[in-house]
Amino acid sequence: MLMQRTNLTKKDLINSIYMQIGFSKNISENLIDDFLITIVDNLKIEKKLKLSKFGTFSIRAKKSRIGRNPKTKEQTTISNRDVVLFKASKEFKDLVNSKNDS
């Protein structure tokens, strides 16, 4: 039976590669780091990255706007910034919604 968890850490991924594939923890960590760096670098350059059968990451610019502190009701300006969006692929959605846990 799988444990119920809300967070999957980089250390969990490293241990999973170490246990399933047999790479050393150092090589496993380098593999995860390289994978994540590749995703971020490509996303910064292209503004969009598609991982087949997983989903598409994209960057969208948000304009500055007025925000409010909910406790003090004080208004402040939220600066313009880029945000990362993720749209899951049909295959990924189908896997998440499948009734078969095999």
PDB file of N, CA and C in Angstrom:
ATOM      1  N   MET A   1       0.840  -1.179   0.000  1.00  0.00           N
ATOM      2  CA  MET A   1       0.000   0.000   0.000  1.00  0.00           C
ATOM      3  C   MET A   1       0.889   1.248   0.000  1.00  0.00           C
ATOM      4  N   LEU A   2       0.555   2.236  -0.842  1.00  0.00           N
ATOM      5  CA  LEU A   2       1.323   3.463  -0.935  1.00  0.00           C
ATOM      6  C   LEU A   2       0.960   4.416   0.192  1.00  0.00           C
ATOM      7  N   MET A   3       1.987   5.141   0.682  1.00  0.00           N
ATOM      8  CA  MET A   3       1.752   6.158   1.696  1.00  0.00           C
ATOM      9  C   MET A   3       1.089   7.366   1.066  1.00  0.00           C
ATOM     10  N   GLN A   4       0.203   8.001   1.804  1.00  0.00           N
ATOM     11  CA  GLN A   4      -0.408   9.241   1.344  1.00  0.00           C
ATOM     12  C   GLN A   4       0.543  10.382   1.638  1.00  0.00           C
ATOM     13  N   ARG A   5       0.984  11.098   0.600  1.00  0.00           N
ATOM     14  CA  ARG A   5       1.898  12.219   0.769  1.00  0.00           C
ATOM     15  C   ARG A   5       1.406  13.383  -0.057  1.00  0.00           C
ATOM     16  N   THR A   6       1.706  14.559   0.422  1.00  0.00           N
ATOM     17  CA  THR A   6       1.327  15.738  -0.347  1.00  0.00           C
ATOM     18  C   THR A   6       2.521  16.320  -1.087  1.00  0.00           C
ATOM     19  N   ASN A   7       3.722  16.030  -0.641  1.00  0.00           N
ATOM     20  CA  ASN A   7       4.927  16.569  -1.280  1.00  0.00           C
ATOM     21  C   ASN A   7       5.827  15.442  -1.758  1.00  0.00           C
ATOM     22  N   LEU A   8       6.391  15.629  -2.928  1.00  0.00           N
ATOM     23  CA  LEU A   8       7.422  14.742  -3.448  1.00  0.00           C
ATOM     24  C   LEU A   8       8.674  15.586  -3.565  1.00  0.00           C
ATOM     25  N   THR A   9       9.673  15.265  -2.783  1.00  0.00           N
ATOM     26  CA  THR A   9      10.887  16.076  -2.759  1.00  0.00           C
ATOM     27  C   THR A   9      11.904  15.568  -3.777  1.00  0.00           C
ATOM     28  N   LYS A  10      12.892  16.410  -4.044  1.00  0.00           N
ATOM     29  CA  LYS A  10      13.975  16.013  -4.939  1.00  0.00           C
ATOM     30  C   LYS A  10      14.696  14.798  -4.346  1.00  0.00           C
ATOM     31  N   LYS A  11      14.830  14.768  -3.034  1.00  0.00           N
ATOM     32  CA  LYS A  11      15.473  13.626  -2.365  1.00  0.00           C
ATOM     33  C   LYS A  11      14.679  12.332  -2.614  1.00  0.00           C
ATOM     34  N   ASP A  12      13.346  12.425  -2.621  1.00  0.00           N
ATOM     35  CA  ASP A  12      12.506  11.263  -2.929  1.00  0.00           C
ATOM     36  C   ASP A  12      12.770  10.758  -4.344  1.00  0.00           C
ATOM     37  N   LEU A  13      12.891  11.685  -5.300  1.00  0.00           N
ATOM     38  CA  LEU A  13      13.179  11.300  -6.686  1.00  0.00           C
ATOM     39  C   LEU A  13      14.547  10.638  -6.795  1.00  0.00           C
ATOM     40  N   ILE A  14      15.527  11.204  -6.108  1.00  0.00           N
ATOM     41  CA  ILE A  14      16.886  10.643  -6.118  1.00  0.00           C
ATOM     42  C   ILE A  14      16.874   9.228  -5.555  1.00  0.00           C
ATOM     43  N   ASN A  15      16.187   9.037  -4.433  1.00  0.00           N
ATOM     44  CA  ASN A  15      16.107   7.706  -3.823  1.00  0.00           C
ATOM     45  C   ASN A  15      15.370   6.715  -4.717  1.00  0.00           C
ATOM     46  N   SER A  16      14.353   7.189  -5.428  1.00  0.00           N
ATOM     47  CA  SER A  16      13.604   6.324  -6.332  1.00  0.00           C
ATOM     48  C   SER A  16      14.495   5.825  -7.473  1.00  0.00           C
ATOM     49  N   ILE A  17      15.285   6.717  -8.056  1.00  0.00           N
ATOM     50  CA  ILE A  17      16.207   6.315  -9.128  1.00  0.00           C
ATOM     51  C   ILE A  17      17.270   5.369  -8.575  1.00  0.00           C
ATOM     52  N   TYR A  18      17.774   5.692  -7.400  1.00  0.00           N
ATOM     53  CA  TYR A  18      18.786   4.857  -6.747  1.00  0.00           C
ATOM     54  C   TYR A  18      18.247   3.438  -6.529  1.00  0.00           C
ATOM     55  N   MET A  19      17.013   3.333  -6.025  1.00  0.00           N
ATOM     56  CA  MET A  19      16.441   2.022  -5.703  1.00  0.00           C
ATOM     57  C   MET A  19      16.001   1.253  -6.966  1.00  0.00           C
ATOM     58  N   GLN A  20      15.409   1.952  -7.936  1.00  0.00           N
ATOM     59  CA  GLN A  20      14.843   1.259  -9.088  1.00  0.00           C
ATOM     60  C   GLN A  20      15.862   0.962 -10.184  1.00  0.00           C
ATOM     61  N   ILE A  21      16.795   1.888 -10.407  1.00  0.00           N
ATOM     62  CA  ILE A  21      17.740   1.712 -11.509  1.00  0.00           C
ATOM     63  C   ILE A  21      19.098   1.233 -11.013  1.00  0.00           C
ATOM     64  N   GLY A  22      19.445   1.631  -9.797  1.00  0.00           N
ATOM     65  CA  GLY A  22      20.709   1.184  -9.226  1.00  0.00           C
ATOM     66  C   GLY A  22      21.853   2.157  -9.411  1.00  0.00           C
ATOM     67  N   PHE A  23      21.572   3.350  -9.964  1.00  0.00           N
ATOM     68  CA  PHE A  23      22.623   4.362 -10.042  1.00  0.00           C
ATOM     69  C   PHE A  23      22.978   4.806  -8.635  1.00  0.00           C
ATOM     70  N   SER A  24      24.220   5.272  -8.454  1.00  0.00           N
ATOM     71  CA  SER A  24      24.597   5.799  -7.143  1.00  0.00           C
ATOM     72  C   SER A  24      23.740   7.029  -6.856  1.00  0.00           C
ATOM     73  N   LYS A  25      23.668   7.389  -5.580  1.00  0.00           N
ATOM     74  CA  LYS A  25      22.871   8.566  -5.209  1.00  0.00           C
ATOM     75  C   LYS A  25      23.452   9.833  -5.833  1.00  0.00           C
ATOM     76  N   ASN A  26      24.769   9.885  -5.974  1.00  0.00           N
ATOM     77  CA  ASN A  26      25.402  11.050  -6.585  1.00  0.00           C
ATOM     78  C   ASN A  26      25.013  11.170  -8.060  1.00  0.00           C
ATOM     79  N   ILE A  27      25.074  10.066  -8.788  1.00  0.00           N
ATOM     80  CA  ILE A  27      24.677  10.061 -10.204  1.00  0.00           C
ATOM     81  C   ILE A  27      23.183  10.351 -10.324  1.00  0.00           C
ATOM     82  N   SER A  28      22.378   9.782  -9.438  1.00  0.00           N
ATOM     83  CA  SER A  28      20.933  10.016  -9.448  1.00  0.00           C
ATOM     84  C   SER A  28      20.621  11.493  -9.228  1.00  0.00           C
ATOM     85  N   GLU A  29      21.335  12.129  -8.303  1.00  0.00           N
ATOM     86  CA  GLU A  29      21.121  13.550  -8.036  1.00  0.00           C
ATOM     87  C   GLU A  29      21.521  14.386  -9.254  1.00  0.00           C
ATOM     88  N   ASN A  30      22.657  14.050  -9.874  1.00  0.00           N
ATOM     89  CA  ASN A  30      23.090  14.768 -11.078  1.00  0.00           C
ATOM     90  C   ASN A  30      22.075  14.618 -12.205  1.00  0.00           C
ATOM     91  N   LEU A  31      21.490  13.439 -12.336  1.00  0.00           N
ATOM     92  CA  LEU A  31      20.491  13.177 -13.365  1.00  0.00           C
ATOM     93  C   LEU A  31      19.253  14.055 -13.156  1.00  0.00           C
ATOM     94  N   ILE A  32      18.755  14.099 -11.928  1.00  0.00           N
ATOM     95  CA  ILE A  32      17.587  14.929 -11.606  1.00  0.00           C
ATOM     96  C   ILE A  32      17.912  16.407 -11.817  1.00  0.00           C
ATOM     97  N   ASP A  33      19.087  16.853 -11.336  1.00  0.00           N
ATOM     98  CA  ASP A  33      19.490  18.255 -11.504  1.00  0.00           C
ATOM     99  C   ASP A  33      19.564  18.632 -12.980  1.00  0.00           C
ATOM    100  N   ASP A  34      20.206  17.779 -13.785  1.00  0.00           N
ATOM    101  CA  ASP A  34      20.334  18.055 -15.219  1.00  0.00           C
ATOM    102  C   ASP A  34      18.970  18.106 -15.901  1.00  0.00           C
ATOM    103  N   PHE A  35      18.079  17.212 -15.518  1.00  0.00           N
ATOM    104  CA  PHE A  35      16.734  17.179 -16.088  1.00  0.00           C
ATOM    105  C   PHE A  35      15.986  18.475 -15.776  1.00  0.00           C
ATOM    106  N   LEU A  36      16.014  18.896 -14.527  1.00  0.00           N
ATOM    107  CA  LEU A  36      15.307  20.114 -14.125  1.00  0.00           C
ATOM    108  C   LEU A  36      15.928  21.362 -14.748  1.00  0.00           C
ATOM    109  N   ILE A  37      17.255  21.413 -14.805  1.00  0.00           N
ATOM    110  CA  ILE A  37      17.936  22.557 -15.423  1.00  0.00           C
ATOM    111  C   ILE A  37      17.590  22.644 -16.909  1.00  0.00           C
ATOM    112  N   THR A  38      17.530  21.503 -17.583  1.00  0.00           N
ATOM    113  CA  THR A  38      17.178  21.476 -19.000  1.00  0.00           C
ATOM    114  C   THR A  38      15.773  22.032 -19.216  1.00  0.00           C
ATOM    115  N   ILE A  39      14.833  21.642 -18.375  1.00  0.00           N
ATOM    116  CA  ILE A  39      13.461  22.147 -18.479  1.00  0.00           C
ATOM    117  C   ILE A  39      13.432  23.656 -18.266  1.00  0.00           C
ATOM    118  N   VAL A  40      14.055  24.135 -17.208  1.00  0.00           N
ATOM    119  CA  VAL A  40      14.039  25.574 -16.899  1.00  0.00           C
ATOM    120  C   VAL A  40      14.730  26.379 -17.992  1.00  0.00           C
ATOM    121  N   ASP A  41      15.900  25.933 -18.430  1.00  0.00           N
ATOM    122  CA  ASP A  41      16.646  26.665 -19.462  1.00  0.00           C
ATOM    123  C   ASP A  41      15.855  26.760 -20.761  1.00  0.00           C
ATOM    124  N   ASN A  42      15.247  25.648 -21.184  1.00  0.00           N
ATOM    125  CA  ASN A  42      14.459  25.663 -22.414  1.00  0.00           C
ATOM    126  C   ASN A  42      13.215  26.530 -22.267  1.00  0.00           C
ATOM    127  N   LEU A  43      12.613  26.504 -21.109  1.00  0.00           N
ATOM    128  CA  LEU A  43      11.424  27.319 -20.870  1.00  0.00           C
ATOM    129  C   LEU A  43      11.765  28.809 -20.906  1.00  0.00           C
ATOM    130  N   LYS A  44      12.917  29.179 -20.353  1.00  0.00           N
ATOM    131  CA  LYS A  44      13.349  30.576 -20.374  1.00  0.00           C
ATOM    132  C   LYS A  44      13.576  31.063 -21.806  1.00  0.00           C
ATOM    133  N   ILE A  45      14.161  30.210 -22.649  1.00  0.00           N
ATOM    134  CA  ILE A  45      14.498  30.592 -24.023  1.00  0.00           C
ATOM    135  C   ILE A  45      13.263  30.572 -24.922  1.00  0.00           C
ATOM    136  N   GLU A  46      12.528  29.490 -24.892  1.00  0.00           N
ATOM    137  CA  GLU A  46      11.426  29.285 -25.837  1.00  0.00           C
ATOM    138  C   GLU A  46      10.076  29.784 -25.332  1.00  0.00           C
ATOM    139  N   LYS A  47       9.949  30.019 -24.029  1.00  0.00           N
ATOM    140  CA  LYS A  47       8.691  30.447 -23.390  1.00  0.00           C
ATOM    141  C   LYS A  47       7.612  29.367 -23.400  1.00  0.00           C
ATOM    142  N   LYS A  48       7.931  28.186 -23.937  1.00  0.00           N
ATOM    143  CA  LYS A  48       6.981  27.083 -23.978  1.00  0.00           C
ATOM    144  C   LYS A  48       7.775  25.788 -24.082  1.00  0.00           C
ATOM    145  N   LEU A  49       7.347  24.767 -23.342  1.00  0.00           N
ATOM    146  CA  LEU A  49       8.041  23.480 -23.380  1.00  0.00           C
ATOM    147  C   LEU A  49       7.014  22.363 -23.289  1.00  0.00           C
ATOM    148  N   LYS A  50       7.018  21.481 -24.272  1.00  0.00           N
ATOM    149  CA  LYS A  50       6.095  20.350 -24.281  1.00  0.00           C
ATOM    150  C   LYS A  50       6.857  19.071 -23.967  1.00  0.00           C
ATOM    151  N   LEU A  51       6.391  18.350 -22.959  1.00  0.00           N
ATOM    152  CA  LEU A  51       6.905  17.013 -22.655  1.00  0.00           C
ATOM    153  C   LEU A  51       5.837  16.031 -23.127  1.00  0.00           C
ATOM    154  N   SER A  52       6.153  15.278 -24.163  1.00  0.00           N
ATOM    155  CA  SER A  52       5.178  14.365 -24.759  1.00  0.00           C
ATOM    156  C   SER A  52       4.562  13.456 -23.712  1.00  0.00           C
ATOM    157  N   LYS A  53       3.263  13.281 -23.815  1.00  0.00           N
ATOM    158  CA  LYS A  53       2.465  12.418 -22.938  1.00  0.00           C
ATOM    159  C   LYS A  53       2.493  12.863 -21.481  1.00  0.00           C
ATOM    160  N   PHE A  54       2.967  14.084 -21.208  1.00  0.00           N
ATOM    161  CA  PHE A  54       2.954  14.623 -19.844  1.00  0.00           C
ATOM    162  C   PHE A  54       2.205  15.946 -19.807  1.00  0.00           C
ATOM    163  N   GLY A  55       2.704  16.927 -20.544  1.00  0.00           N
ATOM    164  CA  GLY A  55       2.018  18.208 -20.567  1.00  0.00           C
ATOM    165  C   GLY A  55       2.890  19.308 -21.125  1.00  0.00           C
ATOM    166  N   THR A  56       2.355  20.524 -21.106  1.00  0.00           N
ATOM    167  CA  THR A  56       3.046  21.677 -21.654  1.00  0.00           C
ATOM    168  C   THR A  56       3.208  22.746 -20.590  1.00  0.00           C
ATOM    169  N   PHE A  57       4.441  23.201 -20.427  1.00  0.00           N
ATOM    170  CA  PHE A  57       4.750  24.322 -19.558  1.00  0.00           C
ATOM    171  C   PHE A  57       4.853  25.561 -20.435  1.00  0.00           C
ATOM    172  N   SER A  58       4.329  26.682 -19.962  1.00  0.00           N
ATOM    173  CA  SER A  58       4.475  27.924 -20.710  1.00  0.00           C
ATOM    174  C   SER A  58       4.636  29.079 -19.732  1.00  0.00           C
ATOM    175  N   ILE A  59       5.186  30.171 -20.254  1.00  0.00           N
ATOM    176  CA  ILE A  59       5.391  31.368 -19.436  1.00  0.00           C
ATOM    177  C   ILE A  59       4.431  32.439 -19.933  1.00  0.00           C
ATOM    178  N   ARG A  60       3.770  33.093 -18.991  1.00  0.00           N
ATOM    179  CA  ARG A  60       2.875  34.191 -19.332  1.00  0.00           C
ATOM    180  C   ARG A  60       3.245  35.405 -18.490  1.00  0.00           C
ATOM    181  N   ALA A  61       3.281  36.548 -19.126  1.00  0.00           N
ATOM    182  CA  ALA A  61       3.589  37.795 -18.414  1.00  0.00           C
ATOM    183  C   ALA A  61       2.315  38.309 -17.755  1.00  0.00           C
ATOM    184  N   LYS A  62       2.432  38.684 -16.489  1.00  0.00           N
ATOM    185  CA  LYS A  62       1.310  39.295 -15.777  1.00  0.00           C
ATOM    186  C   LYS A  62       1.634  40.766 -15.552  1.00  0.00           C
ATOM    187  N   LYS A  63       0.655  41.607 -15.773  1.00  0.00           N
ATOM    188  CA  LYS A  63       0.832  43.042 -15.571  1.00  0.00           C
ATOM    189  C   LYS A  63       0.810  43.366 -14.084  1.00  0.00           C
ATOM    190  N   SER A  64       1.385  44.523 -13.737  1.00  0.00           N
ATOM    191  CA  SER A  64       1.316  44.950 -12.341  1.00  0.00           C
ATOM    192  C   SER A  64      -0.133  45.309 -12.016  1.00  0.00           C
ATOM    193  N   ARG A  65      -0.484  45.177 -10.739  1.00  0.00           N
ATOM    194  CA  ARG A  65      -1.860  45.443 -10.325  1.00  0.00           C
ATOM    195  C   ARG A  65      -1.878  45.850  -8.863  1.00  0.00           C
ATOM    196  N   ILE A  66      -2.993  46.341  -8.444  1.00  0.00           N
ATOM    197  CA  ILE A  66      -3.166  46.728  -7.045  1.00  0.00           C
ATOM    198  C   ILE A  66      -3.656  45.507  -6.273  1.00  0.00           C
ATOM    199  N   GLY A  67      -2.980  45.197  -5.177  1.00  0.00           N
ATOM    200  CA  GLY A  67      -3.383  44.104  -4.314  1.00  0.00           C
ATOM    201  C   GLY A  67      -3.726  44.653  -2.941  1.00  0.00           C
ATOM    202  N   ARG A  68      -4.345  43.812  -2.118  1.00  0.00           N
ATOM    203  CA  ARG A  68      -4.766  44.239  -0.795  1.00  0.00           C
ATOM    204  C   ARG A  68      -4.362  43.185   0.227  1.00  0.00           C
ATOM    205  N   ASN A  69      -3.784  43.636   1.333  1.00  0.00           N
ATOM    206  CA  ASN A  69      -3.493  42.738   2.433  1.00  0.00           C
ATOM    207  C   ASN A  69      -4.826  42.389   3.101  1.00  0.00           C
ATOM    208  N   PRO A  70      -5.211  41.113   3.132  1.00  0.00           N
ATOM    209  CA  PRO A  70      -6.529  40.749   3.667  1.00  0.00           C
ATOM    210  C   PRO A  70      -6.700  41.080   5.162  1.00  0.00           C
ATOM    211  N   LYS A  71      -5.621  41.102   5.906  1.00  0.00           N
ATOM    212  CA  LYS A  71      -5.733  41.398   7.344  1.00  0.00           C
ATOM    213  C   LYS A  71      -5.869  42.889   7.614  1.00  0.00           C
ATOM    214  N   THR A  72      -5.001  43.692   6.975  1.00  0.00           N
ATOM    215  CA  THR A  72      -4.970  45.123   7.275  1.00  0.00           C
ATOM    216  C   THR A  72      -5.749  45.952   6.265  1.00  0.00           C
ATOM    217  N   LYS A  73      -6.170  45.341   5.171  1.00  0.00           N
ATOM    218  CA  LYS A  73      -6.866  46.024   4.072  1.00  0.00           C
ATOM    219  C   LYS A  73      -5.981  47.078   3.392  1.00  0.00           C
ATOM    220  N   GLU A  74      -4.684  47.076   3.708  1.00  0.00           N
ATOM    221  CA  GLU A  74      -3.751  48.032   3.111  1.00  0.00           C
ATOM    222  C   GLU A  74      -3.522  47.672   1.654  1.00  0.00           C
ATOM    223  N   GLN A  75      -3.587  48.675   0.770  1.00  0.00           N
ATOM    224  CA  GLN A  75      -3.349  48.455  -0.655  1.00  0.00           C
ATOM    225  C   GLN A  75      -1.868  48.555  -0.957  1.00  0.00           C
ATOM    226  N   THR A  76      -1.425  47.720  -1.882  1.00  0.00           N
ATOM    227  CA  THR A  76      -0.035  47.737  -2.322  1.00  0.00           C
ATOM    228  C   THR A  76       0.006  47.354  -3.798  1.00  0.00           C
ATOM    229  N   THR A  77       1.069  47.719  -4.482  1.00  0.00           N
ATOM    230  CA  THR A  77       1.212  47.370  -5.892  1.00  0.00           C
ATOM    231  C   THR A  77       1.958  46.046  -6.020  1.00  0.00           C
ATOM    232  N   ILE A  78       1.359  45.138  -6.761  1.00  0.00           N
ATOM    233  CA  ILE A  78       2.009  43.865  -7.073  1.00  0.00           C
ATOM    234  C   ILE A  78       2.687  44.066  -8.417  1.00  0.00           C
ATOM    235  N   SER A  79       4.006  43.893  -8.449  1.00  0.00           N
ATOM    236  CA  SER A  79       4.786  44.186  -9.657  1.00  0.00           C
ATOM    237  C   SER A  79       4.463  43.221 -10.795  1.00  0.00           C
ATOM    238  N   ASN A  80       4.775  43.659 -12.029  1.00  0.00           N
ATOM    239  CA  ASN A  80       4.602  42.763 -13.171  1.00  0.00           C
ATOM    240  C   ASN A  80       5.641  41.653 -13.071  1.00  0.00           C
ATOM    241  N   ARG A  81       5.269  40.476 -13.565  1.00  0.00           N
ATOM    242  CA  ARG A  81       6.156  39.319 -13.447  1.00  0.00           C
ATOM    243  C   ARG A  81       5.730  38.245 -14.434  1.00  0.00           C
ATOM    244  N   ASP A  82       6.605  37.282 -14.629  1.00  0.00           N
ATOM    245  CA  ASP A  82       6.286  36.115 -15.451  1.00  0.00           C
ATOM    246  C   ASP A  82       5.799  34.998 -14.537  1.00  0.00           C
ATOM    247  N   VAL A  83       4.790  34.279 -14.981  1.00  0.00           N
ATOM    248  CA  VAL A  83       4.294  33.125 -14.234  1.00  0.00           C
ATOM    249  C   VAL A  83       4.377  31.897 -15.132  1.00  0.00           C
ATOM    250  N   VAL A  84       4.543  30.739 -14.518  1.00  0.00           N
ATOM    251  CA  VAL A  84       4.622  29.477 -15.258  1.00  0.00           C
ATOM    252  C   VAL A  84       3.254  28.811 -15.206  1.00  0.00           C
ATOM    253  N   LEU A  85       2.775  28.411 -16.367  1.00  0.00           N
ATOM    254  CA  LEU A  85       1.510  27.695 -16.471  1.00  0.00           C
ATOM    255  C   LEU A  85       1.817  26.249 -16.871  1.00  0.00           C
ATOM    256  N   PHE A  86       0.945  25.327 -16.464  1.00  0.00           N
ATOM    257  CA  PHE A  86       1.090  23.927 -16.867  1.00  0.00           C
ATOM    258  C   PHE A  86      -0.260  23.423 -17.343  1.00  0.00           C
ATOM    259  N   LYS A  87      -0.258  22.826 -18.523  1.00  0.00           N
ATOM    260  CA  LYS A  87      -1.467  22.205 -19.050  1.00  0.00           C
ATOM    261  C   LYS A  87      -1.159  20.728 -19.272  1.00  0.00           C
ATOM    262  N   ALA A  88      -1.859  19.882 -18.548  1.00  0.00           N
ATOM    263  CA  ALA A  88      -1.632  18.439 -18.639  1.00  0.00           C
ATOM    264  C   ALA A  88      -2.095  17.908 -19.983  1.00  0.00           C
ATOM    265  N   SER A  89      -1.358  16.923 -20.505  1.00  0.00           N
ATOM    266  CA  SER A  89      -1.736  16.291 -21.770  1.00  0.00           C
ATOM    267  C   SER A  89      -2.925  15.361 -21.547  1.00  0.00           C
ATOM    268  N   LYS A  90      -3.572  14.978 -22.627  1.00  0.00           N
ATOM    269  CA  LYS A  90      -4.705  14.049 -22.543  1.00  0.00           C
ATOM    270  C   LYS A  90      -4.254  12.724 -21.921  1.00  0.00           C
ATOM    271  N   GLU A  91      -3.085  12.233 -22.335  1.00  0.00           N
ATOM    272  CA  GLU A  91      -2.579  10.961 -21.794  1.00  0.00           C
ATOM    273  C   GLU A  91      -2.356  11.052 -20.291  1.00  0.00           C
ATOM    274  N   PHE A  92      -1.805  12.167 -19.837  1.00  0.00           N
ATOM    275  CA  PHE A  92      -1.555  12.364 -18.407  1.00  0.00           C
ATOM    276  C   PHE A  92      -2.872  12.412 -17.639  1.00  0.00           C
ATOM    277  N   LYS A  93      -3.842  13.149 -18.174  1.00  0.00           N
ATOM    278  CA  LYS A  93      -5.163  13.226 -17.530  1.00  0.00           C
ATOM    279  C   LYS A  93      -5.812  11.849 -17.466  1.00  0.00           C
ATOM    280  N   ASP A  94      -5.683  11.084 -18.563  1.00  0.00           N
ATOM    281  CA  ASP A  94      -6.261   9.739 -18.592  1.00  0.00           C
ATOM    282  C   ASP A  94      -5.623   8.840 -17.534  1.00  0.00           C
ATOM    283  N   LEU A  95      -4.291   8.943 -17.359  1.00  0.00           N
ATOM    284  CA  LEU A  95      -3.615   8.144 -16.337  1.00  0.00           C
ATOM    285  C   LEU A  95      -4.082   8.522 -14.929  1.00  0.00           C
ATOM    286  N   VAL A  96      -4.232   9.814 -14.689  1.00  0.00           N
ATOM    287  CA  VAL A  96      -4.667  10.286 -13.371  1.00  0.00           C
ATOM    288  C   VAL A  96      -6.093   9.834 -13.079  1.00  0.00           C
ATOM    289  N   ASN A  97      -6.933   9.813 -14.103  1.00  0.00           N
ATOM    290  CA  ASN A  97      -8.345   9.479 -13.910  1.00  0.00           C
ATOM    291  C   ASN A  97      -8.672   8.010 -14.121  1.00  0.00           C
ATOM    292  N   SER A  98      -7.668   7.191 -14.480  1.00  0.00           N
ATOM    293  CA  SER A  98      -7.949   5.779 -14.726  1.00  0.00           C
ATOM    294  C   SER A  98      -8.340   5.072 -13.438  1.00  0.00           C
ATOM    295  N   LYS A  99      -9.246   4.135 -13.573  1.00  0.00           N
ATOM    296  CA  LYS A  99      -9.729   3.364 -12.420  1.00  0.00           C
ATOM    297  C   LYS A  99      -8.791   2.207 -12.103  1.00  0.00           C
ATOM    298  N   ASN A 100      -7.942   1.841 -13.084  1.00  0.00           N
ATOM    299  CA  ASN A 100      -6.981   0.748 -12.903  1.00  0.00           C
ATOM    300  C   ASN A 100      -5.742   1.270 -12.206  1.00  0.00           C
ATOM    301  N   ASP A 101      -5.359   0.682 -11.104  1.00  0.00           N
ATOM    302  CA  ASP A 101      -4.129   1.081 -10.396  1.00  0.00           C
ATOM    303  C   ASP A 101      -3.014   0.110 -10.694  1.00  0.00           C
ATOM    304  N   SER A 102      -2.983  -0.437 -11.890  1.00  0.00           N
ATOM    305  CA  SER A 102      -1.928  -1.392 -12.234  1.00  0.00           C
ATOM    306  C   SER A 102      -0.815  -0.773 -12.993  1.00  0.00           C
TER     307      SER A 102
END
